[in-house]
Amino acid sequence: SGGTYQDDTGGKGCRACVPGSYCKPGAASPLPCEAGSYSSRTDLEDASQCTLAEKGYFATTGSTKPTPCSPGTFAAEEGQAKCEACPPGTSSDIGSGTCTDCEPGFYAQQERQAECRRCRHPSSSGNRSVICSICKEGFYLSNSNADPNDIFENPTERCQPCPPNATCRAGTTLESILVPPGYWRASPSSTVLSECRPLGGGDDARKKRCAGGSEAGTKGDGYCDTNFTGPECQLCNASN
C-alpha cells in the first residue's frame, strides 16, 4: 500500500517509508522528497505530500527538515532548494526571507554580509551603501571632486569639522555649508563666517539682511536678502 515499500523479492509484509522520502503503492524502494521540500513522516505516498521549505529556509533532495539560510543569504519564497546571496549594501540574519538595507552611517562592501559595518569617523553614507563616501553631520567634505574611494579610505583627511557658527548636515561639502541668518561668507570656498553687524537696525534687521542659506551666489550675494548685496549684505541692490 502507499506509504510503504518492499525491496526483498518474495518478501512478506511491507516496510514503512523512511523520513525524507515517499513511497508510492507497490514501491520497491523509497523515493526522496524533491529539492525544496522535506518530511519527517514515514507514511507519505506522493511527492506532493512533502512539505515545502518555508521562506528563509531551504531543503536539499531527501531532506527530513528545512535548513535555515545562513547569515548573509535569504530565501524570499517557499520551496527553495538553496538560498541566494544578499547583494552589497544589504545584510541578513540567519533564517531570513529578505535582505535588509544598510542604514545611513553603515555599509556592506561585499555580498553575503551578516551585518552592515559602521562607517569610520567622520565619514557617513546613504541608505543601502557599499562604501562611506560622504561626511557625517558636523563635518564637511573639503573637496567635492574627491574620489569616493579616497574618502572611504581617508575620511579624517577629507572630512573637516564644520566651521564655527555654520551648520553641516550629513553629506555637506565645502560649497554647501549652511550659513545661519545673521551671518555671511565671501564665497563657497571660504570657511570663515562673518557675523553681520546690526548697522543701527537691531538683531532682527541684521538677520533679515543677512538671510543665510547654502547657496553663495556671486561673491556671497546668495546669503543676502534679495534687497541687499555686497560684503555682509550692507549695500542695496541696484534695483532698489
Protein backbone atom coordinates (compact mmCIF):
# COMPACT_ATOMS: atom_id res chain seq x y z
CA SER A 1 0.00 0.00 0.00
CA GLY A 2 1.01 3.63 -0.29
CA GLY A 3 3.48 4.87 2.31
CA THR A 4 5.27 1.52 2.45
CA TYR A 5 7.74 -0.42 0.33
CA GLN A 6 9.23 -3.92 -0.05
CA ASP A 7 12.71 -4.28 -1.51
CA ASP A 8 13.10 -8.03 -0.95
CA THR A 9 11.95 -10.28 -3.78
CA GLY A 10 9.40 -12.64 -2.30
CA GLY A 11 9.49 -10.83 0.99
CA LYS A 12 6.45 -10.83 3.22
CA GLY A 13 4.92 -7.70 4.60
CA CYS A 14 5.88 -4.10 3.82
CA ARG A 15 8.27 -1.70 5.45
CA ALA A 16 7.32 1.81 6.49
CA CYS A 17 8.65 4.51 4.23
CA VAL A 18 11.66 6.45 5.56
CA PRO A 19 11.84 10.11 6.63
CA GLY A 20 12.71 12.48 3.77
CA SER A 21 11.01 10.16 1.29
CA TYR A 22 7.65 8.96 -0.04
CA CYS A 23 6.58 5.51 -1.23
CA LYS A 24 4.02 5.05 -3.97
CA PRO A 25 1.75 1.99 -3.86
CA GLY A 26 3.74 -1.10 -4.80
CA ALA A 27 7.08 0.69 -4.35
CA ALA A 28 10.26 -1.37 -4.24
CA SER A 29 12.19 1.48 -2.65
CA PRO A 30 11.53 4.94 -1.17
CA LEU A 31 11.76 7.99 -3.42
CA PRO A 32 13.33 11.15 -1.94
CA CYS A 33 11.34 14.33 -1.40
CA GLU A 34 12.28 16.77 -4.15
CA ALA A 35 14.67 19.64 -3.52
CA GLY A 36 12.82 22.49 -1.86
CA SER A 37 10.67 20.13 0.22
CA TYR A 38 11.12 17.84 3.24
CA SER A 39 9.35 15.39 5.53
CA SER A 40 9.96 13.65 8.83
CA ARG A 41 6.99 11.33 8.36
CA THR A 42 7.20 7.66 7.32
CA ASP A 43 3.79 7.27 5.66
CA LEU A 44 3.92 9.52 2.59
CA GLU A 45 2.86 8.05 -0.72
CA ASP A 46 3.33 11.04 -3.07
CA ALA A 47 5.82 13.85 -3.59
CA SER A 48 3.03 16.39 -3.14
CA GLN A 49 2.78 15.33 0.50
CA CYS A 50 6.30 16.54 1.23
CA THR A 51 6.30 19.94 2.98
CA LEU A 52 7.70 22.96 1.14
CA ALA A 53 10.58 24.70 2.88
CA GLU A 54 9.38 27.96 4.44
CA LYS A 55 10.64 31.42 3.50
CA GLY A 56 14.10 31.90 4.99
CA TYR A 57 14.81 28.16 4.73
CA PHE A 58 15.89 25.66 2.06
CA ALA A 59 15.81 21.92 1.64
CA THR A 60 18.00 19.66 -0.47
CA THR A 61 16.77 16.43 -2.04
CA GLY A 62 15.65 13.91 0.58
CA SER A 63 15.63 16.36 3.49
CA THR A 64 13.93 15.43 6.75
CA LYS A 65 13.78 19.06 7.92
CA PRO A 66 14.41 22.50 6.41
CA THR A 67 17.72 24.29 6.90
CA PRO A 68 17.75 28.00 7.77
CA CYS A 69 19.53 30.30 5.36
CA SER A 70 22.92 31.26 6.73
CA PRO A 71 23.63 34.90 7.64
CA GLY A 72 24.17 36.98 4.51
CA THR A 73 21.75 34.89 2.43
CA PHE A 74 17.97 34.71 2.04
CA ALA A 75 15.09 32.74 0.55
CA ALA A 76 12.25 35.03 -0.49
CA GLU A 77 9.83 32.26 -1.49
CA GLU A 78 8.90 28.91 0.00
CA GLY A 79 10.06 25.71 -1.66
CA GLN A 80 13.65 26.82 -2.30
CA ALA A 81 16.46 24.34 -2.90
CA LYS A 82 19.10 26.91 -1.92
CA CYS A 83 19.43 30.41 -0.50
CA GLU A 84 20.50 33.44 -2.51
CA ALA A 85 23.30 35.82 -1.57
CA CYS A 86 22.36 39.24 -0.22
CA PRO A 87 23.77 41.92 -2.56
CA PRO A 88 26.29 44.57 -1.46
CA GLY A 89 24.69 47.33 0.56
CA THR A 90 22.49 44.85 2.44
CA SER A 91 22.76 42.17 5.12
CA SER A 92 20.69 39.42 6.71
CA ASP A 93 20.48 37.33 9.86
CA ILE A 94 20.08 33.56 9.98
CA GLY A 95 16.80 32.28 8.53
CA SER A 96 15.98 35.45 6.59
CA GLY A 97 13.36 35.77 3.89
CA THR A 98 14.68 39.17 2.78
CA CYS A 99 17.86 41.23 2.92
CA THR A 100 17.89 44.41 5.00
CA ASP A 101 19.27 47.63 3.53
CA CYS A 102 22.22 49.15 5.36
CA GLU A 103 21.06 52.26 7.21
CA PRO A 104 22.73 55.67 6.73
CA GLY A 105 26.07 55.62 8.51
CA PHE A 106 26.63 51.93 7.72
CA TYR A 107 27.81 49.98 4.67
CA ALA A 108 28.30 46.48 3.24
CA GLN A 109 31.03 46.35 0.62
CA GLN A 110 30.63 42.71 -0.37
CA GLU A 111 27.74 40.34 -0.90
CA ARG A 112 26.77 37.76 1.75
CA GLN A 113 27.23 40.14 4.68
CA ALA A 114 25.77 39.05 8.01
CA GLU A 115 25.72 42.66 9.21
CA CYS A 116 26.44 46.14 7.95
CA ARG A 117 29.58 47.82 9.23
CA ARG A 118 29.64 51.28 10.78
CA CYS A 119 31.37 53.98 8.75
CA ARG A 120 34.72 55.15 10.02
CA HIS A 121 34.67 58.52 11.79
CA PRO A 122 33.97 61.13 10.47
CA SER A 123 32.55 59.64 7.26
CA SER A 124 28.99 58.52 6.65
CA SER A 125 26.79 57.03 3.96
CA GLY A 126 23.33 57.00 2.48
CA ASN A 127 20.84 54.15 2.55
CA ARG A 128 21.99 50.79 1.07
CA SER A 129 25.58 51.97 0.64
CA VAL A 130 28.54 49.81 -0.34
CA ILE A 131 31.13 52.36 0.90
CA CYS A 132 31.14 55.51 3.03
CA SER A 133 31.74 58.43 0.68
CA ILE A 134 30.17 61.42 2.44
CA CYS A 135 30.90 63.22 5.69
CA LYS A 136 28.77 62.79 8.80
CA GLU A 137 26.78 65.54 10.47
CA GLY A 138 29.06 68.19 11.95
CA PHE A 139 31.68 67.80 9.20
CA TYR A 140 32.08 68.89 5.58
CA LEU A 141 33.85 67.43 2.57
CA SER A 142 36.80 69.67 1.78
CA ASN A 143 36.97 68.66 -1.89
CA SER A 144 33.68 67.85 -3.59
CA ASN A 145 35.60 66.30 -6.50
CA ALA A 146 37.38 63.79 -4.29
CA ASP A 147 37.18 60.18 -5.40
CA PRO A 148 34.57 58.30 -3.33
CA ASN A 149 37.05 55.51 -2.64
CA ASP A 150 39.59 58.05 -1.38
CA ILE A 151 37.00 59.45 1.03
CA PHE A 152 36.28 55.91 2.17
CA GLU A 153 39.95 55.13 2.76
CA ASN A 154 40.97 58.51 4.22
CA PRO A 155 37.95 60.02 5.97
CA THR A 156 39.91 62.07 8.51
CA GLU A 157 41.79 63.80 5.69
CA ARG A 158 38.74 64.52 3.56
CA CYS A 159 36.15 65.38 6.20
CA GLN A 160 36.79 68.52 8.23
CA PRO A 161 34.97 69.92 11.29
CA CYS A 162 32.17 72.31 10.46
CA PRO A 163 33.25 75.97 10.76
CA PRO A 164 32.12 77.91 13.86
CA ASN A 165 28.51 79.17 13.64
CA ALA A 166 27.81 77.09 10.49
CA THR A 167 25.62 74.02 10.11
CA CYS A 168 26.88 70.89 8.37
CA ARG A 169 24.33 68.15 7.80
CA ALA A 170 25.40 64.69 6.65
CA GLY A 171 26.64 64.96 3.08
CA THR A 172 27.69 68.60 3.32
CA THR A 173 30.52 69.82 1.09
CA LEU A 174 32.58 72.99 1.47
CA GLU A 175 30.33 74.63 -1.12
CA SER A 176 27.06 73.65 0.59
CA ILE A 177 27.87 74.66 4.19
CA LEU A 178 24.69 76.11 5.68
CA VAL A 179 25.12 79.71 6.82
CA PRO A 180 22.59 80.73 9.50
CA PRO A 181 20.64 84.01 9.39
CA GLY A 182 22.74 86.90 10.66
CA TYR A 183 25.96 85.54 9.13
CA TRP A 184 27.70 85.85 5.77
CA ARG A 185 30.70 84.36 3.96
CA ALA A 186 32.54 85.74 0.98
CA SER A 187 32.48 82.67 -1.27
CA PRO A 188 31.60 78.96 -1.40
CA SER A 189 35.29 78.17 -0.85
CA SER A 190 35.57 80.13 2.40
CA THR A 191 35.40 78.53 5.83
CA VAL A 192 35.11 81.89 7.63
CA LEU A 193 31.66 83.12 8.59
CA SER A 194 31.33 86.82 9.41
CA GLU A 195 28.66 87.98 11.80
CA CYS A 196 26.70 90.71 10.11
CA ARG A 197 26.67 93.99 12.06
CA PRO A 198 23.34 95.49 13.10
CA LEU A 199 24.08 98.83 11.39
CA GLY A 200 21.54 100.51 13.63
CA GLY A 201 18.70 98.15 12.75
CA GLY A 202 18.90 95.72 15.65
CA ASP A 203 19.27 91.96 15.66
CA ASP A 204 16.12 91.25 13.64
CA ALA A 205 17.21 93.61 10.90
CA ARG A 206 20.65 92.01 10.84
CA LYS A 207 19.15 88.56 10.35
CA LYS A 208 16.72 89.82 7.72
CA ARG A 209 19.51 91.50 5.76
CA CYS A 210 21.84 88.51 6.04
CA ALA A 211 19.35 85.73 5.29
CA GLY A 212 21.93 82.92 5.22
CA GLY A 213 21.43 79.65 3.37
CA SER A 214 23.60 77.16 1.49
CA GLU A 215 24.00 78.94 -1.85
CA ALA A 216 26.78 81.53 -2.02
CA GLY A 217 25.67 83.09 -5.28
CA THR A 218 28.02 85.74 -6.70
CA LYS A 219 30.55 86.98 -4.15
CA GLY A 220 28.34 85.89 -1.27
CA ASP A 221 25.15 87.55 -2.56
CA GLY A 222 23.34 84.23 -2.12
CA TYR A 223 23.48 84.70 1.65
CA CYS A 224 21.75 88.10 1.40
CA ASP A 225 18.10 89.02 1.30
CA THR A 226 17.07 89.82 -2.29
CA ASN A 227 17.11 93.55 -1.49
CA PHE A 228 20.76 93.57 -0.41
CA THR A 229 24.21 92.73 -1.77
CA GLY A 230 27.92 93.18 -1.05
CA PRO A 231 30.06 92.26 1.97
CA GLU A 232 27.83 91.43 4.96
CA CYS A 233 24.90 92.40 2.72
CA GLN A 234 25.45 96.10 3.55
CA LEU A 235 24.54 97.50 0.13
CA CYS A 236 21.18 97.88 -1.52
CA ASN A 237 20.64 96.13 -4.83
CA ALA A 238 20.78 98.41 -7.86
CA SER A 239 17.07 97.80 -8.46
CA ASN A 240 16.34 99.25 -5.02
